[in-house]
């Protein structure tokens, strides 16, 4: 059975950590996402879920705390023991796959371009920036790649919507706009000139830095 493409980052980073021989209980576990006074939140060995750990001085290692699976409950549950935990969790990525992608980018762990972009074709993808009818702009999970996508909208009674298809992708949205505008004509506006076409694409990135890596990007769910 094929592994879901949305987990491509988690598989890549998990495999890299295994190959490097890291232990999730050690100080140098590369999956640390956020830490505080005596606690830390890490990605589990498979990099697909979060684990709340406490430092066990008697064993000189980090161990898991018995806690609900949802990090949303950790702040209240451990408020008296770790008063700095709740505020730190505010910036925690809602999807561990996004945290895995962040760490993969920092640690130089890569996946194939096909795997990286395929997961962003769904309607529920969390990295959508802006949508204009059947056009939208997105960023990839690492926040380093932009894309402009298109999908067909059927006129049947069920209003079936097709998948989002990436037309252009790259680190600079200005270059994407130029590339796509040069080869695009809108069927609903055949008289639109090049500048009008470019203006529509530019609007998809309103408020975004030209270089995707310049972010910062909000936490997505």
N, C-alpha and C. Protein backbone atom coordinates (compact mmCIF):
# COMPACT_ATOMS: atom_id res chain seq x y z
N UNK A 1 0.85 -1.19 0.00
CA UNK A 1 0.00 0.00 0.00
C UNK A 1 0.88 1.24 0.00
N UNK A 2 0.52 2.23 -0.79
CA UNK A 2 1.30 3.45 -0.88
C UNK A 2 1.12 4.30 0.36
N UNK A 3 2.21 4.95 0.76
CA UNK A 3 2.13 5.88 1.89
C UNK A 3 1.51 7.18 1.43
N UNK A 4 0.58 7.77 2.19
CA UNK A 4 -0.02 9.04 1.79
C UNK A 4 1.05 10.09 1.54
N UNK A 5 0.88 10.84 0.45
CA UNK A 5 1.89 11.84 0.10
C UNK A 5 1.99 12.92 1.17
N UNK A 6 0.89 13.20 1.89
CA UNK A 6 0.91 14.22 2.91
C UNK A 6 1.91 13.90 4.00
N UNK A 7 2.34 12.61 4.10
CA UNK A 7 3.30 12.22 5.11
C UNK A 7 4.71 12.09 4.55
N UNK A 8 4.94 12.62 3.38
CA UNK A 8 6.26 12.50 2.76
C UNK A 8 7.34 13.10 3.63
N UNK A 9 7.07 14.26 4.23
CA UNK A 9 8.06 14.90 5.08
C UNK A 9 8.33 14.06 6.32
N UNK A 10 7.26 13.52 6.92
CA UNK A 10 7.45 12.75 8.15
C UNK A 10 8.26 11.49 7.87
N UNK A 11 8.02 10.84 6.74
CA UNK A 11 8.79 9.65 6.40
C UNK A 11 10.25 9.98 6.14
N UNK A 12 10.50 11.07 5.44
CA UNK A 12 11.87 11.43 5.10
C UNK A 12 12.67 11.79 6.34
N UNK A 13 12.08 12.58 7.21
CA UNK A 13 12.83 13.03 8.39
C UNK A 13 12.98 11.90 9.40
N UNK A 14 11.97 11.04 9.52
CA UNK A 14 12.07 9.90 10.42
C UNK A 14 13.17 8.94 9.97
N UNK A 15 13.24 8.70 8.68
CA UNK A 15 14.28 7.81 8.15
C UNK A 15 15.66 8.39 8.38
N UNK A 16 15.79 9.70 8.22
CA UNK A 16 17.09 10.35 8.42
C UNK A 16 17.53 10.24 9.88
N UNK A 17 16.60 10.46 10.80
CA UNK A 17 16.93 10.36 12.23
C UNK A 17 17.34 8.94 12.61
N UNK A 18 16.64 7.94 12.05
CA UNK A 18 17.00 6.55 12.34
C UNK A 18 18.41 6.25 11.84
N UNK A 19 18.70 6.72 10.64
CA UNK A 19 20.01 6.47 10.05
C UNK A 19 21.13 7.13 10.86
N UNK A 20 20.80 8.24 11.49
CA UNK A 20 21.79 8.96 12.29
C UNK A 20 21.92 8.40 13.71
N UNK A 21 21.05 7.47 14.07
CA UNK A 21 21.15 6.81 15.35
C UNK A 21 20.72 7.63 16.54
N UNK A 22 19.84 8.60 16.35
CA UNK A 22 19.41 9.45 17.45
C UNK A 22 18.40 8.74 18.36
N UNK A 23 18.41 9.10 19.63
CA UNK A 23 17.45 8.57 20.60
C UNK A 23 16.50 9.68 21.02
N UNK A 24 15.21 9.35 21.07
CA UNK A 24 14.20 10.33 21.44
C UNK A 24 14.33 10.77 22.90
N UNK A 25 15.08 10.02 23.69
CA UNK A 25 15.25 10.34 25.11
C UNK A 25 16.49 11.16 25.40
N UNK A 26 17.29 11.44 24.37
CA UNK A 26 18.55 12.15 24.58
C UNK A 26 18.40 13.66 24.40
N UNK A 27 19.37 14.38 24.93
CA UNK A 27 19.36 15.84 24.79
C UNK A 27 19.45 16.27 23.34
N UNK A 28 20.12 15.47 22.52
CA UNK A 28 20.35 15.88 21.13
C UNK A 28 19.32 15.33 20.15
N UNK A 29 18.14 14.88 20.66
CA UNK A 29 17.08 14.44 19.75
C UNK A 29 16.74 15.57 18.78
N UNK A 30 16.88 15.37 17.48
CA UNK A 30 16.68 16.45 16.50
C UNK A 30 15.22 16.81 16.26
N UNK A 31 14.30 16.11 16.94
CA UNK A 31 12.88 16.39 16.73
C UNK A 31 12.28 17.32 17.75
N UNK A 32 13.10 18.08 18.48
CA UNK A 32 12.57 19.03 19.46
C UNK A 32 11.90 20.20 18.74
N UNK A 33 10.64 20.44 19.05
CA UNK A 33 9.88 21.51 18.40
C UNK A 33 9.86 22.77 19.27
N UNK A 34 9.62 22.62 20.56
CA UNK A 34 9.62 23.75 21.49
C UNK A 34 9.97 23.20 22.87
N UNK A 35 10.65 24.01 23.70
CA UNK A 35 11.05 23.52 25.01
C UNK A 35 10.98 24.64 26.04
N UNK A 36 10.96 24.24 27.30
CA UNK A 36 10.90 25.20 28.38
C UNK A 36 11.64 24.69 29.59
N UNK A 37 11.23 25.12 30.77
CA UNK A 37 11.91 24.78 32.00
C UNK A 37 11.53 23.37 32.46
N UNK A 38 12.35 22.40 32.07
CA UNK A 38 12.13 21.02 32.48
C UNK A 38 11.21 20.23 31.58
N UNK A 39 10.73 20.82 30.49
CA UNK A 39 9.82 20.13 29.58
C UNK A 39 10.21 20.43 28.14
N UNK A 40 9.72 19.61 27.25
CA UNK A 40 9.89 19.90 25.83
C UNK A 40 8.83 19.13 25.04
N UNK A 41 8.46 19.68 23.89
CA UNK A 41 7.56 19.03 22.96
C UNK A 41 8.40 18.58 21.77
N UNK A 42 8.32 17.31 21.46
CA UNK A 42 9.12 16.76 20.37
C UNK A 42 8.22 16.03 19.38
N UNK A 43 8.76 15.80 18.21
CA UNK A 43 8.10 14.90 17.26
C UNK A 43 8.48 13.48 17.64
N UNK A 44 7.52 12.58 17.60
CA UNK A 44 7.77 11.18 17.91
C UNK A 44 8.71 10.57 16.88
N UNK A 45 9.11 9.35 17.11
CA UNK A 45 10.09 8.70 16.23
C UNK A 45 9.65 8.68 14.77
N UNK A 46 8.35 8.51 14.54
CA UNK A 46 7.85 8.50 13.16
C UNK A 46 7.53 9.90 12.65
N UNK A 47 7.76 10.92 13.49
CA UNK A 47 7.59 12.33 13.12
C UNK A 47 6.16 12.67 12.70
N UNK A 48 5.19 11.87 13.13
CA UNK A 48 3.81 12.13 12.73
C UNK A 48 2.92 12.55 13.89
N UNK A 49 3.48 12.68 15.08
CA UNK A 49 2.71 13.11 16.24
C UNK A 49 3.63 13.79 17.24
N UNK A 50 3.03 14.56 18.15
CA UNK A 50 3.79 15.24 19.18
C UNK A 50 3.86 14.39 20.45
N UNK A 51 4.95 14.56 21.20
CA UNK A 51 5.11 13.92 22.50
C UNK A 51 5.57 15.00 23.48
N UNK A 52 4.93 15.04 24.65
CA UNK A 52 5.34 15.95 25.71
C UNK A 52 6.29 15.19 26.64
N UNK A 53 7.49 15.72 26.82
CA UNK A 53 8.49 15.05 27.64
C UNK A 53 8.90 15.92 28.82
N UNK A 54 9.35 15.26 29.88
CA UNK A 54 9.92 15.95 31.05
C UNK A 54 11.32 15.39 31.27
N UNK A 55 12.20 16.24 31.81
CA UNK A 55 13.56 15.76 32.07
C UNK A 55 13.58 14.97 33.36
N UNK A 56 14.08 13.75 33.28
CA UNK A 56 14.16 12.86 34.43
C UNK A 56 15.59 12.88 34.96
N UNK A 57 15.81 13.71 35.97
CA UNK A 57 17.17 13.89 36.48
C UNK A 57 17.75 12.61 37.07
N UNK A 58 16.90 11.75 37.63
CA UNK A 58 17.39 10.52 38.23
C UNK A 58 17.98 9.57 37.19
N UNK A 59 17.50 9.69 35.97
CA UNK A 59 18.00 8.84 34.88
C UNK A 59 18.82 9.64 33.87
N UNK A 60 18.90 10.96 34.08
CA UNK A 60 19.64 11.85 33.17
C UNK A 60 19.19 11.68 31.73
N UNK A 61 17.87 11.73 31.55
CA UNK A 61 17.31 11.57 30.21
C UNK A 61 15.91 12.19 30.18
N UNK A 62 15.37 12.28 28.98
CA UNK A 62 14.02 12.80 28.78
C UNK A 62 13.05 11.62 28.66
N UNK A 63 11.88 11.75 29.29
CA UNK A 63 10.87 10.70 29.21
C UNK A 63 9.50 11.30 28.96
N UNK A 64 8.58 10.51 28.39
CA UNK A 64 7.25 11.02 28.08
C UNK A 64 6.40 11.23 29.33
N UNK A 65 5.55 12.24 29.27
CA UNK A 65 4.58 12.48 30.33
C UNK A 65 3.25 11.84 29.93
N UNK A 66 2.55 11.28 30.90
CA UNK A 66 1.23 10.75 30.62
C UNK A 66 0.29 11.92 30.39
N UNK A 67 -0.15 12.08 29.16
CA UNK A 67 -0.95 13.24 28.80
C UNK A 67 -1.88 12.87 27.66
N UNK A 68 -2.98 13.63 27.48
CA UNK A 68 -3.87 13.39 26.35
C UNK A 68 -3.12 13.55 25.03
N UNK A 69 -3.64 12.95 23.99
CA UNK A 69 -2.98 13.03 22.68
C UNK A 69 -2.99 14.44 22.13
N UNK A 70 -4.00 15.24 22.50
CA UNK A 70 -4.12 16.58 21.95
C UNK A 70 -3.31 17.60 22.75
N UNK A 71 -2.34 18.28 22.11
CA UNK A 71 -1.57 19.31 22.80
C UNK A 71 -2.43 20.44 23.35
N UNK A 72 -3.64 20.61 22.82
CA UNK A 72 -4.52 21.69 23.28
C UNK A 72 -4.86 21.55 24.76
N UNK A 73 -4.74 20.34 25.30
CA UNK A 73 -5.09 20.08 26.69
C UNK A 73 -3.89 20.16 27.62
N UNK A 74 -2.70 20.21 27.10
CA UNK A 74 -1.50 20.14 27.93
C UNK A 74 -1.30 21.37 28.80
N UNK A 75 -1.58 22.53 28.24
CA UNK A 75 -1.34 23.77 29.00
C UNK A 75 -2.10 23.81 30.31
N UNK A 76 -3.39 23.49 30.26
CA UNK A 76 -4.22 23.50 31.49
C UNK A 76 -3.84 22.35 32.41
N UNK A 77 -3.58 21.20 31.83
CA UNK A 77 -3.29 20.02 32.64
C UNK A 77 -2.01 20.18 33.47
N UNK A 78 -1.00 20.83 32.90
CA UNK A 78 0.28 20.97 33.59
C UNK A 78 0.59 22.42 33.98
N UNK A 79 -0.46 23.23 34.15
CA UNK A 79 -0.28 24.65 34.45
C UNK A 79 0.52 24.89 35.72
N UNK A 80 0.26 24.14 36.76
CA UNK A 80 0.96 24.35 38.03
C UNK A 80 2.41 23.85 37.97
N UNK A 81 2.63 22.80 37.23
CA UNK A 81 3.97 22.20 37.14
C UNK A 81 4.86 22.94 36.14
N UNK A 82 4.26 23.34 35.02
CA UNK A 82 5.02 24.03 33.98
C UNK A 82 4.26 25.30 33.57
N UNK A 83 4.38 26.37 34.31
CA UNK A 83 3.60 27.58 34.02
C UNK A 83 3.93 28.23 32.67
N UNK A 84 5.08 27.89 32.10
CA UNK A 84 5.46 28.47 30.81
C UNK A 84 5.00 27.63 29.62
N UNK A 85 4.38 26.50 29.89
CA UNK A 85 4.00 25.58 28.81
C UNK A 85 2.87 26.11 27.95
N UNK A 86 1.81 26.61 28.57
CA UNK A 86 0.62 27.03 27.81
C UNK A 86 0.95 28.09 26.77
N UNK A 87 1.72 29.10 27.15
CA UNK A 87 2.04 30.17 26.21
C UNK A 87 2.91 29.66 25.07
N UNK A 88 3.80 28.74 25.38
CA UNK A 88 4.69 28.19 24.34
C UNK A 88 3.90 27.38 23.32
N UNK A 89 2.82 26.76 23.75
CA UNK A 89 2.03 25.92 22.84
C UNK A 89 1.21 26.74 21.85
N UNK A 90 1.07 28.03 22.09
CA UNK A 90 0.28 28.87 21.19
C UNK A 90 0.84 28.83 19.77
N UNK A 91 2.15 28.80 19.67
CA UNK A 91 2.77 28.80 18.35
C UNK A 91 3.04 27.43 17.78
N UNK A 92 2.56 26.38 18.44
CA UNK A 92 2.79 25.02 17.96
C UNK A 92 1.97 24.76 16.69
N UNK A 93 2.62 24.17 15.71
CA UNK A 93 1.92 23.82 14.47
C UNK A 93 0.78 22.86 14.77
N UNK A 94 -0.41 23.14 14.26
CA UNK A 94 -1.55 22.28 14.50
C UNK A 94 -1.34 20.90 13.89
N UNK A 95 -0.68 20.84 12.76
CA UNK A 95 -0.41 19.58 12.07
C UNK A 95 1.06 19.21 12.27
N UNK A 96 1.37 18.10 12.93
CA UNK A 96 2.77 17.70 13.11
C UNK A 96 3.54 17.58 11.80
N UNK A 97 2.83 17.30 10.69
CA UNK A 97 3.51 17.22 9.39
C UNK A 97 4.13 18.56 9.01
N UNK A 98 3.48 19.66 9.42
CA UNK A 98 4.05 20.97 9.15
C UNK A 98 5.31 21.19 9.97
N UNK A 99 5.29 20.74 11.22
CA UNK A 99 6.48 20.85 12.06
C UNK A 99 7.62 20.00 11.49
N UNK A 100 7.27 18.82 10.98
CA UNK A 100 8.26 17.96 10.35
C UNK A 100 8.88 18.63 9.13
N UNK A 101 8.05 19.31 8.36
CA UNK A 101 8.55 20.02 7.17
C UNK A 101 9.49 21.15 7.57
N UNK A 102 9.13 21.88 8.65
CA UNK A 102 10.00 22.96 9.13
C UNK A 102 11.38 22.42 9.52
N UNK A 103 11.39 21.33 10.31
CA UNK A 103 12.65 20.76 10.75
C UNK A 103 13.43 20.16 9.58
N UNK A 104 12.72 19.56 8.64
CA UNK A 104 13.39 18.99 7.47
C UNK A 104 14.13 20.07 6.69
N UNK A 105 13.50 21.24 6.56
CA UNK A 105 14.13 22.34 5.83
C UNK A 105 15.38 22.83 6.56
N UNK A 106 15.29 22.98 7.87
CA UNK A 106 16.41 23.47 8.66
C UNK A 106 17.56 22.46 8.66
N UNK A 107 17.22 21.18 8.70
CA UNK A 107 18.24 20.13 8.80
C UNK A 107 18.72 19.61 7.45
N UNK A 108 18.23 20.22 6.38
CA UNK A 108 18.70 19.85 5.05
C UNK A 108 18.20 18.50 4.57
N UNK A 109 17.06 18.05 5.11
CA UNK A 109 16.47 16.78 4.70
C UNK A 109 15.42 17.06 3.63
N UNK A 110 15.56 16.46 2.48
CA UNK A 110 14.68 16.79 1.36
C UNK A 110 13.87 15.59 0.90
N UNK A 111 12.79 15.88 0.19
CA UNK A 111 12.00 14.85 -0.47
C UNK A 111 11.92 15.22 -1.94
N UNK A 112 11.40 14.33 -2.74
CA UNK A 112 11.34 14.60 -4.17
C UNK A 112 10.37 15.74 -4.46
N UNK A 113 10.63 16.54 -5.49
CA UNK A 113 9.71 17.62 -5.83
C UNK A 113 8.29 17.14 -6.06
N UNK A 114 8.12 15.96 -6.64
CA UNK A 114 6.79 15.44 -6.89
C UNK A 114 6.05 15.19 -5.59
N UNK A 115 6.73 14.59 -4.60
CA UNK A 115 6.10 14.36 -3.31
C UNK A 115 5.77 15.67 -2.61
N UNK A 116 6.69 16.62 -2.72
CA UNK A 116 6.51 17.87 -1.99
C UNK A 116 5.29 18.64 -2.43
N UNK A 117 5.00 18.65 -3.71
CA UNK A 117 3.91 19.49 -4.19
C UNK A 117 2.58 18.78 -4.33
N UNK A 118 2.58 17.42 -4.39
CA UNK A 118 1.33 16.73 -4.69
C UNK A 118 0.29 16.90 -3.59
N UNK A 119 0.73 16.95 -2.33
CA UNK A 119 -0.24 17.01 -1.24
C UNK A 119 -1.01 18.33 -1.20
N UNK A 120 -0.53 19.36 -1.87
CA UNK A 120 -1.21 20.65 -1.79
C UNK A 120 -2.32 20.80 -2.83
N UNK A 121 -2.70 19.70 -3.47
CA UNK A 121 -3.75 19.78 -4.49
C UNK A 121 -5.16 19.63 -3.92
N UNK A 122 -5.30 19.33 -2.63
CA UNK A 122 -6.61 19.11 -2.04
C UNK A 122 -7.29 20.43 -1.66
N UNK A 123 -8.61 20.40 -1.61
CA UNK A 123 -9.37 21.60 -1.24
C UNK A 123 -9.10 22.01 0.20
N UNK A 124 -8.80 21.04 1.06
CA UNK A 124 -8.62 21.32 2.48
C UNK A 124 -7.17 21.66 2.84
N UNK A 125 -6.29 21.80 1.85
CA UNK A 125 -4.89 22.09 2.15
C UNK A 125 -4.77 23.36 2.98
N UNK A 126 -3.97 23.30 4.05
CA UNK A 126 -3.90 24.40 5.02
C UNK A 126 -3.03 25.57 4.59
N UNK A 127 -2.25 25.39 3.52
CA UNK A 127 -1.33 26.46 3.11
C UNK A 127 -1.86 27.37 2.03
N UNK A 128 -3.18 27.44 1.86
CA UNK A 128 -3.76 28.33 0.86
C UNK A 128 -3.60 29.78 1.31
N UNK A 129 -3.15 30.64 0.41
CA UNK A 129 -2.96 32.05 0.73
C UNK A 129 -4.18 32.85 0.32
N UNK A 130 -4.61 32.67 -0.93
CA UNK A 130 -5.75 33.44 -1.43
C UNK A 130 -6.42 32.67 -2.56
N UNK A 131 -7.74 32.88 -2.70
CA UNK A 131 -8.50 32.19 -3.76
C UNK A 131 -9.32 33.21 -4.55
N UNK A 132 -9.30 33.09 -5.86
CA UNK A 132 -10.08 33.95 -6.75
C UNK A 132 -10.77 33.04 -7.76
N UNK A 133 -12.06 32.76 -7.50
CA UNK A 133 -12.82 31.85 -8.36
C UNK A 133 -12.11 30.49 -8.42
N UNK A 134 -11.66 30.08 -9.61
CA UNK A 134 -10.98 28.80 -9.70
C UNK A 134 -9.46 28.94 -9.82
N UNK A 135 -8.93 30.03 -9.26
CA UNK A 135 -7.50 30.24 -9.15
C UNK A 135 -7.16 30.41 -7.67
N UNK A 136 -6.01 29.95 -7.26
CA UNK A 136 -5.57 30.19 -5.89
C UNK A 136 -4.05 30.19 -5.79
N UNK A 137 -3.56 30.82 -4.75
CA UNK A 137 -2.14 30.82 -4.45
C UNK A 137 -1.94 30.01 -3.18
N UNK A 138 -0.82 29.29 -3.11
CA UNK A 138 -0.50 28.47 -1.95
C UNK A 138 0.99 28.58 -1.65
N UNK A 139 1.35 28.15 -0.44
CA UNK A 139 2.75 27.96 -0.09
C UNK A 139 2.90 26.48 0.30
N UNK A 140 4.10 25.95 0.15
CA UNK A 140 4.28 24.56 0.56
C UNK A 140 4.49 24.49 2.07
N UNK A 141 4.58 23.30 2.63
CA UNK A 141 4.66 23.14 4.08
C UNK A 141 5.88 23.80 4.68
N UNK A 142 6.97 23.89 3.94
CA UNK A 142 8.18 24.51 4.47
C UNK A 142 8.10 26.03 4.45
N UNK A 143 7.12 26.59 3.72
CA UNK A 143 7.03 28.03 3.60
C UNK A 143 8.07 28.62 2.66
N UNK A 144 8.70 27.79 1.84
CA UNK A 144 9.77 28.26 0.96
C UNK A 144 9.40 28.22 -0.52
N UNK A 145 8.26 27.65 -0.85
CA UNK A 145 7.83 27.54 -2.23
C UNK A 145 6.41 28.07 -2.38
N UNK A 146 6.20 28.93 -3.36
CA UNK A 146 4.86 29.41 -3.73
C UNK A 146 4.37 28.61 -4.94
N UNK A 147 3.06 28.65 -5.15
CA UNK A 147 2.50 28.08 -6.37
C UNK A 147 1.20 28.81 -6.70
N UNK A 148 0.88 28.85 -7.99
CA UNK A 148 -0.43 29.31 -8.45
C UNK A 148 -1.13 28.08 -9.02
N UNK A 149 -2.35 27.85 -8.56
CA UNK A 149 -3.07 26.66 -8.96
C UNK A 149 -4.40 27.02 -9.62
N UNK A 150 -4.91 26.08 -10.40
CA UNK A 150 -6.16 26.24 -11.12
C UNK A 150 -6.95 24.95 -11.01
N UNK A 151 -8.27 25.04 -11.05
CA UNK A 151 -9.09 23.83 -11.14
C UNK A 151 -10.31 24.11 -11.99
N UNK A 152 -10.82 23.08 -12.62
CA UNK A 152 -12.03 23.21 -13.41
C UNK A 152 -13.23 23.07 -12.49
N UNK A 153 -14.30 23.77 -12.83
CA UNK A 153 -15.55 23.69 -12.07
C UNK A 153 -16.64 23.24 -13.02
N UNK A 154 -17.16 22.06 -12.77
CA UNK A 154 -18.18 21.50 -13.64
C UNK A 154 -19.52 22.19 -13.42
N UNK A 155 -20.32 22.26 -14.45
CA UNK A 155 -21.62 22.93 -14.37
C UNK A 155 -22.78 21.95 -14.17
N UNK A 156 -22.48 20.74 -13.68
CA UNK A 156 -23.57 19.79 -13.50
C UNK A 156 -24.36 20.13 -12.24
N UNK A 157 -25.41 19.40 -11.99
CA UNK A 157 -26.29 19.73 -10.87
C UNK A 157 -25.63 19.57 -9.51
N UNK A 158 -24.53 18.84 -9.47
CA UNK A 158 -23.85 18.64 -8.19
C UNK A 158 -22.70 19.63 -7.99
N UNK A 159 -22.47 20.49 -8.97
CA UNK A 159 -21.40 21.47 -8.88
C UNK A 159 -20.06 20.81 -8.49
N UNK A 160 -19.74 19.73 -9.18
CA UNK A 160 -18.52 18.99 -8.87
C UNK A 160 -17.29 19.86 -9.13
N UNK A 161 -16.39 19.85 -8.17
CA UNK A 161 -15.17 20.63 -8.31
C UNK A 161 -13.98 19.69 -8.45
N UNK A 162 -13.13 19.98 -9.40
CA UNK A 162 -11.98 19.13 -9.63
C UNK A 162 -10.84 19.43 -8.69
N UNK A 163 -9.73 18.68 -8.79
CA UNK A 163 -8.56 18.91 -7.94
C UNK A 163 -7.84 20.19 -8.35
N UNK A 164 -7.09 20.75 -7.43
CA UNK A 164 -6.29 21.94 -7.73
C UNK A 164 -5.01 21.50 -8.43
N UNK A 165 -4.77 22.06 -9.60
CA UNK A 165 -3.63 21.68 -10.42
C UNK A 165 -2.61 22.81 -10.43
N UNK A 166 -1.40 22.49 -10.06
CA UNK A 166 -0.34 23.50 -10.00
C UNK A 166 0.09 23.91 -11.40
N UNK A 167 0.02 25.21 -11.67
CA UNK A 167 0.42 25.75 -12.97
C UNK A 167 1.89 26.18 -12.97
N UNK A 168 2.30 26.87 -11.93
CA UNK A 168 3.69 27.30 -11.79
C UNK A 168 4.03 27.24 -10.31
N UNK A 169 5.30 27.03 -9.99
CA UNK A 169 5.76 27.01 -8.61
C UNK A 169 7.20 27.51 -8.54
N UNK A 170 7.56 28.08 -7.40
CA UNK A 170 8.91 28.59 -7.24
C UNK A 170 9.02 29.46 -6.01
N UNK A 171 10.21 29.93 -5.66
CA UNK A 171 10.41 30.70 -4.43
C UNK A 171 9.95 32.16 -4.49
N UNK A 172 9.81 32.73 -5.69
CA UNK A 172 9.44 34.14 -5.85
C UNK A 172 8.10 34.26 -6.56
N UNK A 173 7.11 34.89 -5.91
CA UNK A 173 5.80 34.98 -6.57
C UNK A 173 5.83 35.91 -7.77
N UNK A 174 6.69 36.91 -7.78
CA UNK A 174 6.75 37.83 -8.92
C UNK A 174 7.12 37.09 -10.20
N UNK A 175 8.02 36.13 -10.09
CA UNK A 175 8.41 35.35 -11.28
C UNK A 175 7.29 34.42 -11.72
N UNK A 176 6.53 33.90 -10.74
CA UNK A 176 5.40 33.04 -11.09
C UNK A 176 4.35 33.83 -11.86
N UNK A 177 4.09 35.04 -11.40
CA UNK A 177 3.12 35.91 -12.07
C UNK A 177 3.54 36.17 -13.51
N UNK A 178 4.79 36.52 -13.72
CA UNK A 178 5.27 36.80 -15.07
C UNK A 178 5.16 35.57 -15.97
N UNK A 179 5.58 34.42 -15.45
CA UNK A 179 5.58 33.20 -16.26
C UNK A 179 4.16 32.80 -16.65
N UNK A 180 3.24 32.86 -15.70
CA UNK A 180 1.89 32.41 -15.99
C UNK A 180 1.12 33.42 -16.83
N UNK A 181 1.35 34.70 -16.59
CA UNK A 181 0.65 35.72 -17.35
C UNK A 181 1.01 35.66 -18.83
N UNK A 182 2.25 35.31 -19.13
CA UNK A 182 2.71 35.24 -20.51
C UNK A 182 2.01 34.15 -21.31
N UNK A 183 1.49 33.13 -20.63
CA UNK A 183 0.88 32.02 -21.38
C UNK A 183 -0.59 31.82 -21.05
N UNK A 184 -1.21 32.80 -20.39
CA UNK A 184 -2.59 32.63 -19.94
C UNK A 184 -3.53 33.63 -20.59
N UNK A 185 -4.69 33.14 -20.96
CA UNK A 185 -5.80 34.00 -21.38
C UNK A 185 -7.04 33.51 -20.66
N UNK A 186 -7.80 34.41 -20.08
CA UNK A 186 -8.98 34.01 -19.33
C UNK A 186 -10.16 33.81 -20.27
N UNK A 187 -10.77 32.64 -20.24
CA UNK A 187 -11.90 32.38 -21.14
C UNK A 187 -13.08 33.30 -20.88
N UNK A 188 -13.23 33.81 -19.66
CA UNK A 188 -14.35 34.70 -19.35
C UNK A 188 -14.03 36.15 -19.69
N UNK A 189 -12.79 36.41 -20.13
CA UNK A 189 -12.40 37.78 -20.46
C UNK A 189 -11.32 37.74 -21.55
N UNK A 190 -11.71 37.35 -22.76
CA UNK A 190 -10.72 37.18 -23.82
C UNK A 190 -10.03 38.47 -24.25
N UNK A 191 -10.59 39.62 -23.89
CA UNK A 191 -9.99 40.88 -24.29
C UNK A 191 -9.03 41.44 -23.24
N UNK A 192 -8.87 40.72 -22.13
CA UNK A 192 -7.98 41.21 -21.08
C UNK A 192 -6.54 41.31 -21.60
N UNK A 193 -5.88 42.42 -21.32
CA UNK A 193 -4.50 42.56 -21.77
C UNK A 193 -3.56 41.97 -20.72
N UNK A 194 -2.27 41.96 -21.05
CA UNK A 194 -1.28 41.31 -20.19
C UNK A 194 -1.25 41.92 -18.80
N UNK A 195 -1.34 43.24 -18.71
CA UNK A 195 -1.26 43.88 -17.41
C UNK A 195 -2.48 43.54 -16.54
N UNK A 196 -3.65 43.41 -17.16
CA UNK A 196 -4.83 43.01 -16.41
C UNK A 196 -4.70 41.58 -15.89
N UNK A 197 -4.16 40.73 -16.73
CA UNK A 197 -3.95 39.34 -16.33
C UNK A 197 -2.96 39.28 -15.16
N UNK A 198 -1.85 40.03 -15.28
CA UNK A 198 -0.85 40.02 -14.22
C UNK A 198 -1.43 40.58 -12.93
N UNK A 199 -2.27 41.60 -13.05
CA UNK A 199 -2.85 42.21 -11.85
C UNK A 199 -3.70 41.21 -11.08
N UNK A 200 -4.40 40.35 -11.81
CA UNK A 200 -5.23 39.34 -11.14
C UNK A 200 -4.35 38.34 -10.39
N UNK A 201 -3.23 37.95 -10.97
CA UNK A 201 -2.32 37.04 -10.30
C UNK A 201 -1.62 37.71 -9.11
N UNK A 202 -1.22 38.97 -9.31
CA UNK A 202 -0.56 39.70 -8.22
C UNK A 202 -1.47 39.77 -7.00
N UNK A 203 -2.76 39.95 -7.23
CA UNK A 203 -3.72 40.05 -6.12
C UNK A 203 -3.76 38.78 -5.28
N UNK A 204 -3.41 37.67 -5.88
CA UNK A 204 -3.39 36.41 -5.14
C UNK A 204 -2.33 36.40 -4.05
N UNK A 205 -1.34 37.30 -4.15
CA UNK A 205 -0.25 37.33 -3.19
C UNK A 205 -0.23 38.63 -2.39
N UNK A 206 -1.37 39.29 -2.31
CA UNK A 206 -1.45 40.56 -1.59
C UNK A 206 -0.94 40.40 -0.16
N UNK A 207 0.00 41.24 0.23
CA UNK A 207 0.55 41.22 1.59
C UNK A 207 1.64 40.20 1.81
N UNK A 208 1.98 39.41 0.79
CA UNK A 208 3.01 38.38 0.93
C UNK A 208 4.37 38.92 0.49
N UNK A 209 5.44 38.54 1.16
CA UNK A 209 6.78 38.92 0.68
C UNK A 209 7.05 38.21 -0.65
N UNK A 210 7.82 38.83 -1.50
CA UNK A 210 8.09 38.22 -2.80
C UNK A 210 8.77 36.87 -2.64
N UNK A 211 9.72 36.79 -1.71
CA UNK A 211 10.42 35.53 -1.43
C UNK A 211 9.66 34.77 -0.36
N UNK A 212 9.20 33.57 -0.71
CA UNK A 212 8.37 32.80 0.23
C UNK A 212 9.06 32.58 1.57
N UNK A 213 10.36 32.35 1.54
CA UNK A 213 11.09 32.05 2.77
C UNK A 213 11.12 33.23 3.74
N UNK A 214 10.76 34.41 3.27
CA UNK A 214 10.77 35.59 4.15
C UNK A 214 9.57 35.62 5.08
N UNK A 215 8.52 34.77 4.82
CA UNK A 215 7.38 34.66 5.75
C UNK A 215 7.14 35.93 6.57
N UNK A 216 6.83 35.87 7.85
CA UNK A 216 6.52 34.63 8.58
C UNK A 216 5.12 34.16 8.25
N UNK A 217 4.89 32.86 8.42
CA UNK A 217 3.60 32.30 8.10
C UNK A 217 2.85 31.93 9.37
N UNK A 218 1.54 32.08 9.36
CA UNK A 218 0.75 31.74 10.54
C UNK A 218 0.65 30.24 10.75
N UNK A 219 0.32 29.84 11.95
CA UNK A 219 0.07 28.43 12.22
C UNK A 219 -1.15 28.01 11.43
N UNK A 220 -1.08 26.84 10.78
CA UNK A 220 -2.20 26.36 9.97
C UNK A 220 -2.78 25.11 10.57
N UNK A 221 -4.02 24.81 10.18
CA UNK A 221 -4.64 23.58 10.69
C UNK A 221 -5.17 22.76 9.53
